Amino acid sequence: MATLDRVNEALVAIGSSDGGENDDVRFTIDNKTNKQYRRFNAAGTELIVRLLPPALRDNSYAIMHFQVSVKDLFYYALRDVNDSDMLGITISNENNLLVKPIGISFRRKDQLSSK
């Protein structure tokens, strides 16, 4: 758990990666697991993160906050990987299991864009 605490402390710098307009941490990492995907003959890392609500002083809209949070999450996930490495994302609501998960299928890093 100490490792996750250090990772979460380092997220402050990622929260300000958008040029300093927002120094808030937008997500925390609840779990990090290395996995083997035999179907794809690949090794991967699964992150379970919790997107945080906007700070009290943040007057941005919920959708804008969500978009910036996901952008920061992608920045974090892609920061130490090669262009040929793959990334997929699934977003689900743990409080309401009736809401279906949404996601982006596995894609190479060089096929992803922040736009």
PDB file of N, CA and C in Angstrom:
ATOM      1  N   MET A   1       0.822  -1.195   0.000  1.00  0.00           N
ATOM      2  CA  MET A   1       0.000   0.000   0.000  1.00  0.00           C
ATOM      3  C   MET A   1       0.865   1.257   0.000  1.00  0.00           C
ATOM      4  N   ALA A   2       2.072   1.143   0.550  1.00  0.00           N
ATOM      5  CA  ALA A   2       2.955   2.304   0.574  1.00  0.00           C
ATOM      6  C   ALA A   2       3.319   2.739  -0.843  1.00  0.00           C
ATOM      7  N   THR A   3       3.444   1.778  -1.763  1.00  0.00           N
ATOM      8  CA  THR A   3       3.760   2.117  -3.143  1.00  0.00           C
ATOM      9  C   THR A   3       2.647   2.948  -3.770  1.00  0.00           C
ATOM     10  N   LEU A   4       1.384   2.551  -3.530  1.00  0.00           N
ATOM     11  CA  LEU A   4       0.269   3.319  -4.073  1.00  0.00           C
ATOM     12  C   LEU A   4       0.206   4.708  -3.462  1.00  0.00           C
ATOM     13  N   ASP A   5       0.564   4.839  -2.191  1.00  0.00           N
ATOM     14  CA  ASP A   5       0.590   6.154  -1.565  1.00  0.00           C
ATOM     15  C   ASP A   5       1.597   7.063  -2.262  1.00  0.00           C
ATOM     16  N   ARG A   6       2.779   6.516  -2.598  1.00  0.00           N
ATOM     17  CA  ARG A   6       3.786   7.317  -3.302  1.00  0.00           C
ATOM     18  C   ARG A   6       3.304   7.694  -4.700  1.00  0.00           C
ATOM     19  N   VAL A   7       2.641   6.753  -5.381  1.00  0.00           N
ATOM     20  CA  VAL A   7       2.101   7.043  -6.710  1.00  0.00           C
ATOM     21  C   VAL A   7       1.061   8.143  -6.611  1.00  0.00           C
ATOM     22  N   ASN A   8       0.164   8.050  -5.648  1.00  0.00           N
ATOM     23  CA  ASN A   8      -0.881   9.056  -5.498  1.00  0.00           C
ATOM     24  C   ASN A   8      -0.307  10.418  -5.138  1.00  0.00           C
ATOM     25  N   GLU A   9       0.778  10.445  -4.360  1.00  0.00           N
ATOM     26  CA  GLU A   9       1.422  11.721  -4.054  1.00  0.00           C
ATOM     27  C   GLU A   9       2.019  12.345  -5.319  1.00  0.00           C
ATOM     28  N   ALA A  10       2.507  11.506  -6.233  1.00  0.00           N
ATOM     29  CA  ALA A  10       3.112  12.008  -7.472  1.00  0.00           C
ATOM     30  C   ALA A  10       2.062  12.522  -8.451  1.00  0.00           C
ATOM     31  N   LEU A  11       0.806  12.228  -8.226  1.00  0.00           N
ATOM     32  CA  LEU A  11      -0.238  12.645  -9.159  1.00  0.00           C
ATOM     33  C   LEU A  11      -0.474  14.147  -9.144  1.00  0.00           C
ATOM     34  N   VAL A  12      -0.014  14.844  -8.135  1.00  0.00           N
ATOM     35  CA  VAL A  12      -0.179  16.296  -8.096  1.00  0.00           C
ATOM     36  C   VAL A  12       0.493  16.929  -9.305  1.00  0.00           C
ATOM     37  N   ALA A  13       1.672  16.441  -9.674  1.00  0.00           N
ATOM     38  CA  ALA A  13       2.370  16.981 -10.844  1.00  0.00           C
ATOM     39  C   ALA A  13       1.593  16.686 -12.122  1.00  0.00           C
ATOM     40  N   ILE A  14       0.952  15.526 -12.190  1.00  0.00           N
ATOM     41  CA  ILE A  14       0.175  15.194 -13.373  1.00  0.00           C
ATOM     42  C   ILE A  14      -1.058  16.071 -13.449  1.00  0.00           C
ATOM     43  N   GLY A  15      -1.657  16.369 -12.323  1.00  0.00           N
ATOM     44  CA  GLY A  15      -2.831  17.240 -12.309  1.00  0.00           C
ATOM     45  C   GLY A  15      -2.530  18.610 -12.865  1.00  0.00           C
ATOM     46  N   SER A  16      -1.283  19.029 -12.791  1.00  0.00           N
ATOM     47  CA  SER A  16      -0.917  20.335 -13.318  1.00  0.00           C
ATOM     48  C   SER A  16      -0.248  20.228 -14.684  1.00  0.00           C
ATOM     49  N   SER A  17      -0.369  19.066 -15.332  1.00  0.00           N
ATOM     50  CA  SER A  17       0.300  18.851 -16.617  1.00  0.00           C
ATOM     51  C   SER A  17      -0.332  19.649 -17.748  1.00  0.00           C
ATOM     52  N   ASP A  18      -1.482  20.259 -17.504  1.00  0.00           N
ATOM     53  CA  ASP A  18      -2.169  21.006 -18.550  1.00  0.00           C
ATOM     54  C   ASP A  18      -1.717  22.460 -18.606  1.00  0.00           C
ATOM     55  N   GLY A  19      -0.509  22.714 -18.135  1.00  0.00           N
ATOM     56  CA  GLY A  19       0.022  24.064 -18.205  1.00  0.00           C
ATOM     57  C   GLY A  19      -0.187  24.835 -16.922  1.00  0.00           C
ATOM     58  N   GLY A  20      -0.577  24.137 -15.860  1.00  0.00           N
ATOM     59  CA  GLY A  20      -0.708  24.780 -14.572  1.00  0.00           C
ATOM     60  C   GLY A  20      -2.050  25.408 -14.312  1.00  0.00           C
ATOM     61  N   GLU A  21      -3.023  25.219 -15.206  1.00  0.00           N
ATOM     62  CA  GLU A  21      -4.312  25.859 -14.961  1.00  0.00           C
ATOM     63  C   GLU A  21      -5.090  25.165 -13.850  1.00  0.00           C
ATOM     64  N   ASN A  22      -4.706  23.942 -13.495  1.00  0.00           N
ATOM     65  CA  ASN A  22      -5.386  23.232 -12.426  1.00  0.00           C
ATOM     66  C   ASN A  22      -4.387  22.342 -11.719  1.00  0.00           C
ATOM     67  N   ASP A  23      -4.089  22.635 -10.453  1.00  0.00           N
ATOM     68  CA  ASP A  23      -3.131  21.866  -9.684  1.00  0.00           C
ATOM     69  C   ASP A  23      -3.791  20.758  -8.876  1.00  0.00           C
ATOM     70  N   ASP A  24      -5.059  20.482  -9.099  1.00  0.00           N
ATOM     71  CA  ASP A  24      -5.776  19.477  -8.337  1.00  0.00           C
ATOM     72  C   ASP A  24      -5.471  18.084  -8.850  1.00  0.00           C
ATOM     73  N   VAL A  25      -5.419  17.134  -7.924  1.00  0.00           N
ATOM     74  CA  VAL A  25      -5.347  15.734  -8.288  1.00  0.00           C
ATOM     75  C   VAL A  25      -6.748  15.336  -8.725  1.00  0.00           C
ATOM     76  N   ARG A  26      -6.868  14.752  -9.893  1.00  0.00           N
ATOM     77  CA  ARG A  26      -8.184  14.428 -10.446  1.00  0.00           C
ATOM     78  C   ARG A  26      -8.552  12.966 -10.280  1.00  0.00           C
ATOM     79  N   PHE A  27      -7.573  12.119  -9.920  1.00  0.00           N
ATOM     80  CA  PHE A  27      -7.874  10.714  -9.673  1.00  0.00           C
ATOM     81  C   PHE A  27      -6.849  10.148  -8.706  1.00  0.00           C
ATOM     82  N   THR A  28      -7.233   9.056  -8.063  1.00  0.00           N
ATOM     83  CA  THR A  28      -6.299   8.313  -7.227  1.00  0.00           C
ATOM     84  C   THR A  28      -6.279   6.875  -7.719  1.00  0.00           C
ATOM     85  N   ILE A  29      -5.184   6.194  -7.477  1.00  0.00           N
ATOM     86  CA  ILE A  29      -5.058   4.802  -7.888  1.00  0.00           C
ATOM     87  C   ILE A  29      -5.411   3.922  -6.688  1.00  0.00           C
ATOM     88  N   ASP A  30      -6.462   3.117  -6.860  1.00  0.00           N
ATOM     89  CA  ASP A  30      -6.894   2.215  -5.797  1.00  0.00           C
ATOM     90  C   ASP A  30      -6.152   0.886  -5.850  1.00  0.00           C
ATOM     91  N   ASN A  31      -5.779   0.435  -7.060  1.00  0.00           N
ATOM     92  CA  ASN A  31      -5.105  -0.846  -7.199  1.00  0.00           C
ATOM     93  C   ASN A  31      -4.310  -0.848  -8.497  1.00  0.00           C
ATOM     94  N   LYS A  32      -3.167  -1.517  -8.465  1.00  0.00           N
ATOM     95  CA  LYS A  32      -2.325  -1.657  -9.647  1.00  0.00           C
ATOM     96  C   LYS A  32      -1.885  -3.110  -9.709  1.00  0.00           C
ATOM     97  N   THR A  33      -2.185  -3.789 -10.822  1.00  0.00           N
ATOM     98  CA  THR A  33      -1.898  -5.205 -10.957  1.00  0.00           C
ATOM     99  C   THR A  33      -1.252  -5.474 -12.309  1.00  0.00           C
ATOM    100  N   ASN A  34      -0.167  -6.228 -12.299  1.00  0.00           N
ATOM    101  CA  ASN A  34       0.432  -6.695 -13.551  1.00  0.00           C
ATOM    102  C   ASN A  34      -0.290  -7.965 -13.954  1.00  0.00           C
ATOM    103  N   LYS A  35      -0.679  -8.043 -15.225  1.00  0.00           N
ATOM    104  CA  LYS A  35      -1.451  -9.179 -15.714  1.00  0.00           C
ATOM    105  C   LYS A  35      -0.846  -9.728 -16.993  1.00  0.00           C
ATOM    106  N   GLN A  36      -1.112 -11.002 -17.243  1.00  0.00           N
ATOM    107  CA  GLN A  36      -0.732 -11.643 -18.488  1.00  0.00           C
ATOM    108  C   GLN A  36      -1.995 -11.880 -19.302  1.00  0.00           C
ATOM    109  N   TYR A  37      -2.031 -11.376 -20.519  1.00  0.00           N
ATOM    110  CA  TYR A  37      -3.162 -11.558 -21.422  1.00  0.00           C
ATOM    111  C   TYR A  37      -2.768 -12.617 -22.447  1.00  0.00           C
ATOM    112  N   ARG A  38      -3.078 -13.872 -22.142  1.00  0.00           N
ATOM    113  CA  ARG A  38      -2.670 -14.979 -23.017  1.00  0.00           C
ATOM    114  C   ARG A  38      -3.311 -14.871 -24.391  1.00  0.00           C
ATOM    115  N   ARG A  39      -4.544 -14.407 -24.433  1.00  0.00           N
ATOM    116  CA  ARG A  39      -5.246 -14.291 -25.706  1.00  0.00           C
ATOM    117  C   ARG A  39      -4.489 -13.393 -26.690  1.00  0.00           C
ATOM    118  N   PHE A  40      -3.829 -12.370 -26.163  1.00  0.00           N
ATOM    119  CA  PHE A  40      -3.104 -11.420 -26.998  1.00  0.00           C
ATOM    120  C   PHE A  40      -1.591 -11.624 -26.934  1.00  0.00           C
ATOM    121  N   ASN A  41      -1.145 -12.641 -26.163  1.00  0.00           N
ATOM    122  CA  ASN A  41       0.282 -12.900 -25.973  1.00  0.00           C
ATOM    123  C   ASN A  41       0.993 -11.620 -25.519  1.00  0.00           C
ATOM    124  N   ALA A  42       0.438 -10.999 -24.489  1.00  0.00           N
ATOM    125  CA  ALA A  42       0.974  -9.717 -24.030  1.00  0.00           C
ATOM    126  C   ALA A  42       0.877  -9.614 -22.507  1.00  0.00           C
ATOM    127  N   ALA A  43       1.770  -8.838 -21.960  1.00  0.00           N
ATOM    128  CA  ALA A  43       1.722  -8.509 -20.536  1.00  0.00           C
ATOM    129  C   ALA A  43       1.164  -7.100 -20.411  1.00  0.00           C
ATOM    130  N   GLY A  44       0.481  -6.840 -19.322  1.00  0.00           N
ATOM    131  CA  GLY A  44      -0.102  -5.517 -19.160  1.00  0.00           C
ATOM    132  C   GLY A  44      -0.218  -5.130 -17.706  1.00  0.00           C
ATOM    133  N   THR A  45      -0.620  -3.916 -17.492  1.00  0.00           N
ATOM    134  CA  THR A  45      -0.854  -3.396 -16.155  1.00  0.00           C
ATOM    135  C   THR A  45      -2.288  -2.921 -16.087  1.00  0.00           C
ATOM    136  N   GLU A  46      -2.993  -3.400 -15.091  1.00  0.00           N
ATOM    137  CA  GLU A  46      -4.367  -2.967 -14.869  1.00  0.00           C
ATOM    138  C   GLU A  46      -4.369  -1.967 -13.723  1.00  0.00           C
ATOM    139  N   LEU A  47      -4.937  -0.805 -13.970  1.00  0.00           N
ATOM    140  CA  LEU A  47      -5.078   0.218 -12.942  1.00  0.00           C
ATOM    141  C   LEU A  47      -6.546   0.358 -12.593  1.00  0.00           C
ATOM    142  N   ILE A  48      -6.851   0.338 -11.335  1.00  0.00           N
ATOM    143  CA  ILE A  48      -8.196   0.674 -10.877  1.00  0.00           C
ATOM    144  C   ILE A  48      -8.071   2.030 -10.209  1.00  0.00           C
ATOM    145  N   VAL A  49      -8.726   3.011 -10.807  1.00  0.00           N
ATOM    146  CA  VAL A  49      -8.611   4.380 -10.321  1.00  0.00           C
ATOM    147  C   VAL A  49      -9.976   4.907  -9.910  1.00  0.00           C
ATOM    148  N   ARG A  50      -9.947   5.915  -9.112  1.00  0.00           N
ATOM    149  CA  ARG A  50     -11.168   6.593  -8.677  1.00  0.00           C
ATOM    150  C   ARG A  50     -11.070   8.045  -9.135  1.00  0.00           C
ATOM    151  N   LEU A  51     -11.979   8.432 -10.021  1.00  0.00           N
ATOM    152  CA  LEU A  51     -12.022   9.832 -10.432  1.00  0.00           C
ATOM    153  C   LEU A  51     -12.612  10.638  -9.288  1.00  0.00           C
ATOM    154  N   LEU A  52     -11.968  11.733  -8.970  1.00  0.00           N
ATOM    155  CA  LEU A  52     -12.387  12.555  -7.845  1.00  0.00           C
ATOM    156  C   LEU A  52     -13.316  13.673  -8.299  1.00  0.00           C
ATOM    157  N   PRO A  53     -14.193  14.109  -7.421  1.00  0.00           N
ATOM    158  CA  PRO A  53     -15.083  15.229  -7.784  1.00  0.00           C
ATOM    159  C   PRO A  53     -14.278  16.526  -7.886  1.00  0.00           C
ATOM    160  N   PRO A  54     -14.853  17.540  -8.523  1.00  0.00           N
ATOM    161  CA  PRO A  54     -14.151  18.826  -8.626  1.00  0.00           C
ATOM    162  C   PRO A  54     -13.899  19.425  -7.240  1.00  0.00           C
ATOM    163  N   ALA A  55     -12.813  20.169  -7.129  1.00  0.00           N
ATOM    164  CA  ALA A  55     -12.515  20.872  -5.884  1.00  0.00           C
ATOM    165  C   ALA A  55     -13.594  21.921  -5.631  1.00  0.00           C
ATOM    166  N   LEU A  56     -13.759  22.298  -4.397  1.00  0.00           N
ATOM    167  CA  LEU A  56     -14.794  23.272  -4.044  1.00  0.00           C
ATOM    168  C   LEU A  56     -14.615  24.592  -4.783  1.00  0.00           C
ATOM    169  N   ARG A  57     -13.372  24.985  -5.000  1.00  0.00           N
ATOM    170  CA  ARG A  57     -13.132  26.276  -5.674  1.00  0.00           C
ATOM    171  C   ARG A  57     -13.221  26.155  -7.193  1.00  0.00           C
ATOM    172  N   ASP A  58     -13.374  24.921  -7.692  1.00  0.00           N
ATOM    173  CA  ASP A  58     -13.437  24.682  -9.128  1.00  0.00           C
ATOM    174  C   ASP A  58     -14.873  24.892  -9.611  1.00  0.00           C
ATOM    175  N   ASN A  59     -15.108  25.920 -10.402  1.00  0.00           N
ATOM    176  CA  ASN A  59     -16.439  26.232 -10.897  1.00  0.00           C
ATOM    177  C   ASN A  59     -16.727  25.615 -12.261  1.00  0.00           C
ATOM    178  N   SER A  60     -15.869  24.690 -12.686  1.00  0.00           N
ATOM    179  CA  SER A  60     -16.074  24.095 -14.011  1.00  0.00           C
ATOM    180  C   SER A  60     -17.286  23.176 -14.000  1.00  0.00           C
ATOM    181  N   TYR A  61     -17.802  22.933 -15.175  1.00  0.00           N
ATOM    182  CA  TYR A  61     -18.937  22.034 -15.317  1.00  0.00           C
ATOM    183  C   TYR A  61     -18.483  20.595 -15.110  1.00  0.00           C
ATOM    184  N   ALA A  62     -19.411  19.742 -14.725  1.00  0.00           N
ATOM    185  CA  ALA A  62     -19.101  18.343 -14.442  1.00  0.00           C
ATOM    186  C   ALA A  62     -18.503  17.640 -15.662  1.00  0.00           C
ATOM    187  N   ILE A  63     -19.042  17.918 -16.846  1.00  0.00           N
ATOM    188  CA  ILE A  63     -18.534  17.257 -18.044  1.00  0.00           C
ATOM    189  C   ILE A  63     -17.114  17.715 -18.358  1.00  0.00           C
ATOM    190  N   MET A  64     -16.852  18.998 -18.201  1.00  0.00           N
ATOM    191  CA  MET A  64     -15.504  19.513 -18.431  1.00  0.00           C
ATOM    192  C   MET A  64     -14.523  18.888 -17.430  1.00  0.00           C
ATOM    193  N   HIS A  65     -14.937  18.787 -16.180  1.00  0.00           N
ATOM    194  CA  HIS A  65     -14.091  18.172 -15.153  1.00  0.00           C
ATOM    195  C   HIS A  65     -13.806  16.714 -15.514  1.00  0.00           C
ATOM    196  N   PHE A  66     -14.826  15.984 -15.968  1.00  0.00           N
ATOM    197  CA  PHE A  66     -14.653  14.587 -16.364  1.00  0.00           C
ATOM    198  C   PHE A  66     -13.679  14.478 -17.534  1.00  0.00           C
ATOM    199  N   GLN A  67     -13.820  15.330 -18.537  1.00  0.00           N
ATOM    200  CA  GLN A  67     -12.937  15.286 -19.705  1.00  0.00           C
ATOM    201  C   GLN A  67     -11.481  15.528 -19.310  1.00  0.00           C
ATOM    202  N   VAL A  68     -11.242  16.504 -18.472  1.00  0.00           N
ATOM    203  CA  VAL A  68      -9.874  16.798 -18.048  1.00  0.00           C
ATOM    204  C   VAL A  68      -9.339  15.662 -17.171  1.00  0.00           C
ATOM    205  N   SER A  69     -10.198  15.064 -16.353  1.00  0.00           N
ATOM    206  CA  SER A  69      -9.780  13.941 -15.510  1.00  0.00           C
ATOM    207  C   SER A  69      -9.345  12.755 -16.363  1.00  0.00           C
ATOM    208  N   VAL A  70     -10.114  12.436 -17.393  1.00  0.00           N
ATOM    209  CA  VAL A  70      -9.766  11.320 -18.272  1.00  0.00           C
ATOM    210  C   VAL A  70      -8.506  11.644 -19.060  1.00  0.00           C
ATOM    211  N   LYS A  71      -8.348  12.885 -19.488  1.00  0.00           N
ATOM    212  CA  LYS A  71      -7.125  13.298 -20.188  1.00  0.00           C
ATOM    213  C   LYS A  71      -5.911  13.112 -19.281  1.00  0.00           C
ATOM    214  N   ASP A  72      -6.010  13.514 -18.015  1.00  0.00           N
ATOM    215  CA  ASP A  72      -4.921  13.320 -17.058  1.00  0.00           C
ATOM    216  C   ASP A  72      -4.638  11.840 -16.830  1.00  0.00           C
ATOM    217  N   LEU A  73      -5.693  11.027 -16.801  1.00  0.00           N
ATOM    218  CA  LEU A  73      -5.533   9.581 -16.628  1.00  0.00           C
ATOM    219  C   LEU A  73      -4.777   8.989 -17.817  1.00  0.00           C
ATOM    220  N   PHE A  74      -5.138   9.389 -19.039  1.00  0.00           N
ATOM    221  CA  PHE A  74      -4.417   8.924 -20.225  1.00  0.00           C
ATOM    222  C   PHE A  74      -2.962   9.370 -20.175  1.00  0.00           C
ATOM    223  N   TYR A  75      -2.722  10.609 -19.802  1.00  0.00           N
ATOM    224  CA  TYR A  75      -1.351  11.114 -19.694  1.00  0.00           C
ATOM    225  C   TYR A  75      -0.557  10.243 -18.724  1.00  0.00           C
ATOM    226  N   TYR A  76      -1.153   9.916 -17.594  1.00  0.00           N
ATOM    227  CA  TYR A  76      -0.485   9.079 -16.593  1.00  0.00           C
ATOM    228  C   TYR A  76      -0.214   7.688 -17.152  1.00  0.00           C
ATOM    229  N   ALA A  77      -1.215   7.083 -17.794  1.00  0.00           N
ATOM    230  CA  ALA A  77      -1.075   5.714 -18.289  1.00  0.00           C
ATOM    231  C   ALA A  77      -0.067   5.615 -19.437  1.00  0.00           C
ATOM    232  N   LEU A  78       0.083   6.663 -20.226  1.00  0.00           N
ATOM    233  CA  LEU A  78       0.936   6.621 -21.414  1.00  0.00           C
ATOM    234  C   LEU A  78       2.335   7.180 -21.197  1.00  0.00           C
ATOM    235  N   ARG A  79       2.628   7.697 -20.041  1.00  0.00           N
ATOM    236  CA  ARG A  79       3.868   8.436 -19.852  1.00  0.00           C
ATOM    237  C   ARG A  79       5.130   7.604 -20.011  1.00  0.00           C
ATOM    238  N   ASP A  80       5.107   6.314 -19.687  1.00  0.00           N
ATOM    239  CA  ASP A  80       6.324   5.496 -19.748  1.00  0.00           C
ATOM    240  C   ASP A  80       6.202   4.313 -20.697  1.00  0.00           C
ATOM    241  N   VAL A  81       5.402   4.430 -21.749  1.00  0.00           N
ATOM    242  CA  VAL A  81       5.222   3.304 -22.653  1.00  0.00           C
ATOM    243  C   VAL A  81       5.742   3.648 -24.052  1.00  0.00           C
ATOM    244  N   ASN A  82       6.048   2.614 -24.802  1.00  0.00           N
ATOM    245  CA  ASN A  82       6.527   2.787 -26.185  1.00  0.00           C
ATOM    246  C   ASN A  82       5.359   3.069 -27.114  1.00  0.00           C
ATOM    247  N   ASP A  83       5.653   3.629 -28.278  1.00  0.00           N
ATOM    248  CA  ASP A  83       4.601   3.932 -29.251  1.00  0.00           C
ATOM    249  C   ASP A  83       3.848   2.687 -29.703  1.00  0.00           C
ATOM    250  N   SER A  84       4.504   1.531 -29.667  1.00  0.00           N
ATOM    251  CA  SER A  84       3.860   0.295 -30.128  1.00  0.00           C
ATOM    252  C   SER A  84       3.051  -0.392 -29.015  1.00  0.00           C
ATOM    253  N   ASP A  85       3.146   0.084 -27.784  1.00  0.00           N
ATOM    254  CA  ASP A  85       2.381  -0.499 -26.679  1.00  0.00           C
ATOM    255  C   ASP A  85       0.902  -0.158 -26.820  1.00  0.00           C
ATOM    256  N   MET A  86       0.069  -1.008 -26.244  1.00  0.00           N
ATOM    257  CA  MET A  86      -1.378  -0.871 -26.381  1.00  0.00           C
ATOM    258  C   MET A  86      -1.998  -0.352 -25.083  1.00  0.00           C
ATOM    259  N   LEU A  87      -3.116   0.365 -25.246  1.00  0.00           N
ATOM    260  CA  LEU A  87      -3.856   0.875 -24.104  1.00  0.00           C
ATOM    261  C   LEU A  87      -5.345   0.741 -24.393  1.00  0.00           C
ATOM    262  N   GLY A  88      -6.083   0.288 -23.415  1.00  0.00           N
ATOM    263  CA  GLY A  88      -7.538   0.251 -23.479  1.00  0.00           C
ATOM    264  C   GLY A  88      -8.070   0.812 -22.172  1.00  0.00           C
ATOM    265  N   ILE A  89      -9.272   1.317 -22.196  1.00  0.00           N
ATOM    266  CA  ILE A  89      -9.832   1.906 -20.980  1.00  0.00           C
ATOM    267  C   ILE A  89     -11.308   1.531 -20.883  1.00  0.00           C
ATOM    268  N   THR A  90     -11.723   1.190 -19.670  1.00  0.00           N
ATOM    269  CA  THR A  90     -13.131   0.932 -19.377  1.00  0.00           C
ATOM    270  C   THR A  90     -13.508   1.785 -18.186  1.00  0.00           C
ATOM    271  N   ILE A  91     -14.612   2.491 -18.301  1.00  0.00           N
ATOM    272  CA  ILE A  91     -15.093   3.349 -17.219  1.00  0.00           C
ATOM    273  C   ILE A  91     -16.423   2.795 -16.754  1.00  0.00           C
ATOM    274  N   SER A  92     -16.499   2.516 -15.455  1.00  0.00           N
ATOM    275  CA  SER A  92     -17.751   1.992 -14.908  1.00  0.00           C
ATOM    276  C   SER A  92     -18.080   2.728 -13.618  1.00  0.00           C
ATOM    277  N   ASN A  93     -19.325   2.642 -13.237  1.00  0.00           N
ATOM    278  CA  ASN A  93     -19.819   3.296 -12.036  1.00  0.00           C
ATOM    279  C   ASN A  93     -20.024   2.225 -10.978  1.00  0.00           C
ATOM    280  N   GLU A  94     -19.172   2.221  -9.963  1.00  0.00           N
ATOM    281  CA  GLU A  94     -19.281   1.184  -8.935  1.00  0.00           C
ATOM    282  C   GLU A  94     -20.478   1.393  -8.014  1.00  0.00           C
ATOM    283  N   ASN A  95     -21.034   2.587  -7.997  1.00  0.00           N
ATOM    284  CA  ASN A  95     -22.174   2.861  -7.127  1.00  0.00           C
ATOM    285  C   ASN A  95     -23.502   2.508  -7.781  1.00  0.00           C
ATOM    286  N   ASN A  96     -23.532   2.431  -9.099  1.00  0.00           N
ATOM    287  CA  ASN A  96     -24.757   2.106  -9.800  1.00  0.00           C
ATOM    288  C   ASN A  96     -24.422   1.078 -10.872  1.00  0.00           C
ATOM    289  N   LEU A  97     -24.572  -0.192 -10.546  1.00  0.00           N
ATOM    290  CA  LEU A  97     -24.194  -1.258 -11.463  1.00  0.00           C
ATOM    291  C   LEU A  97     -25.158  -1.412 -12.628  1.00  0.00           C
ATOM    292  N   LEU A  98     -26.294  -0.717 -12.598  1.00  0.00           N
ATOM    293  CA  LEU A  98     -27.240  -0.775 -13.705  1.00  0.00           C
ATOM    294  C   LEU A  98     -26.765   0.056 -14.892  1.00  0.00           C
ATOM    295  N   VAL A  99     -25.848   0.983 -14.642  1.00  0.00           N
ATOM    296  CA  VAL A  99     -25.277   1.802 -15.718  1.00  0.00           C
ATOM    297  C   VAL A  99     -24.187   0.982 -16.392  1.00  0.00           C
ATOM    298  N   LYS A 100     -24.298   0.819 -17.697  1.00  0.00           N
ATOM    299  CA  LYS A 100     -23.333   0.007 -18.435  1.00  0.00           C
ATOM    300  C   LYS A 100     -21.982   0.709 -18.524  1.00  0.00           C
ATOM    301  N   PRO A 101     -20.905  -0.076 -18.473  1.00  0.00           N
ATOM    302  CA  PRO A 101     -19.564   0.511 -18.635  1.00  0.00           C
ATOM    303  C   PRO A 101     -19.376   1.067 -20.041  1.00  0.00           C
ATOM    304  N   ILE A 102     -18.534   2.073 -20.144  1.00  0.00           N
ATOM    305  CA  ILE A 102     -18.142   2.622 -21.446  1.00  0.00           C
ATOM    306  C   ILE A 102     -16.639   2.450 -21.580  1.00  0.00           C
ATOM    307  N   GLY A 103     -16.132   2.504 -22.779  1.00  0.00           N
ATOM    308  CA  GLY A 103     -14.699   2.319 -22.908  1.00  0.00           C
ATOM    309  C   GLY A 103     -14.165   2.598 -24.287  1.00  0.00           C
ATOM    310  N   ILE A 104     -12.860   2.502 -24.375  1.00  0.00           N
ATOM    311  CA  ILE A 104     -12.117   2.641 -25.619  1.00  0.00           C
ATOM    312  C   ILE A 104     -11.356   1.335 -25.797  1.00  0.00           C
ATOM    313  N   SER A 105     -11.526   0.697 -26.940  1.00  0.00           N
ATOM    314  CA  SER A 105     -10.858  -0.578 -27.182  1.00  0.00           C
ATOM    315  C   SER A 105      -9.341  -0.396 -27.238  1.00  0.00           C
ATOM    316  N   PHE A 106      -8.618  -1.515 -27.125  1.00  0.00           N
ATOM    317  CA  PHE A 106      -7.165  -1.471 -27.152  1.00  0.00           C
ATOM    318  C   PHE A 106      -6.681  -0.831 -28.443  1.00  0.00           C
ATOM    319  N   ARG A 107      -5.755   0.113 -28.282  1.00  0.00           N
ATOM    320  CA  ARG A 107      -5.130   0.803 -29.420  1.00  0.00           C
ATOM    321  C   ARG A 107      -3.671   1.050 -29.082  1.00  0.00           C
ATOM    322  N   ARG A 108      -2.853   1.148 -30.130  1.00  0.00           N
ATOM    323  CA  ARG A 108      -1.456   1.492 -29.905  1.00  0.00           C
ATOM    324  C   ARG A 108      -1.349   2.935 -29.424  1.00  0.00           C
ATOM    325  N   LYS A 109      -0.307   3.202 -28.659  1.00  0.00           N
ATOM    326  CA  LYS A 109      -0.108   4.551 -28.135  1.00  0.00           C
ATOM    327  C   LYS A 109      -0.038   5.571 -29.269  1.00  0.00           C
ATOM    328  N   ASP A 110       0.630   5.215 -30.359  1.00  0.00           N
ATOM    329  CA  ASP A 110       0.764   6.178 -31.453  1.00  0.00           C
ATOM    330  C   ASP A 110      -0.533   6.407 -32.225  1.00  0.00           C
ATOM    331  N   GLN A 111      -1.599   5.646 -31.912  1.00  0.00           N
ATOM    332  CA  GLN A 111      -2.896   5.840 -32.541  1.00  0.00           C
ATOM    333  C   GLN A 111      -3.835   6.695 -31.684  1.00  0.00           C
ATOM    334  N   LEU A 112      -3.396   7.029 -30.484  1.00  0.00           N
ATOM    335  CA  LEU A 112      -4.211   7.826 -29.574  1.00  0.00           C
ATOM    336  C   LEU A 112      -3.847   9.296 -29.679  1.00  0.00           C
ATOM    337  N   SER A 113      -4.829  10.143 -29.496  1.00  0.00           N
ATOM    338  CA  SER A 113      -4.621  11.578 -29.528  1.00  0.00           C
ATOM    339  C   SER A 113      -5.432  12.195 -28.405  1.00  0.00           C
ATOM    340  N   SER A 114      -4.965  13.283 -27.862  1.00  0.00           N
ATOM    341  CA  SER A 114      -5.703  13.970 -26.797  1.00  0.00           C
ATOM    342  C   SER A 114      -6.816  14.841 -27.357  1.00  0.00           C
ATOM    343  N   LYS A 115      -6.951  14.903 -28.665  1.00  0.00           N
ATOM    344  CA  LYS A 115      -7.960  15.759 -29.285  1.00  0.00           C
ATOM    345  C   LYS A 115      -9.229  14.995 -29.581  1.00  0.00           C
TER     346      LYS A 115
END
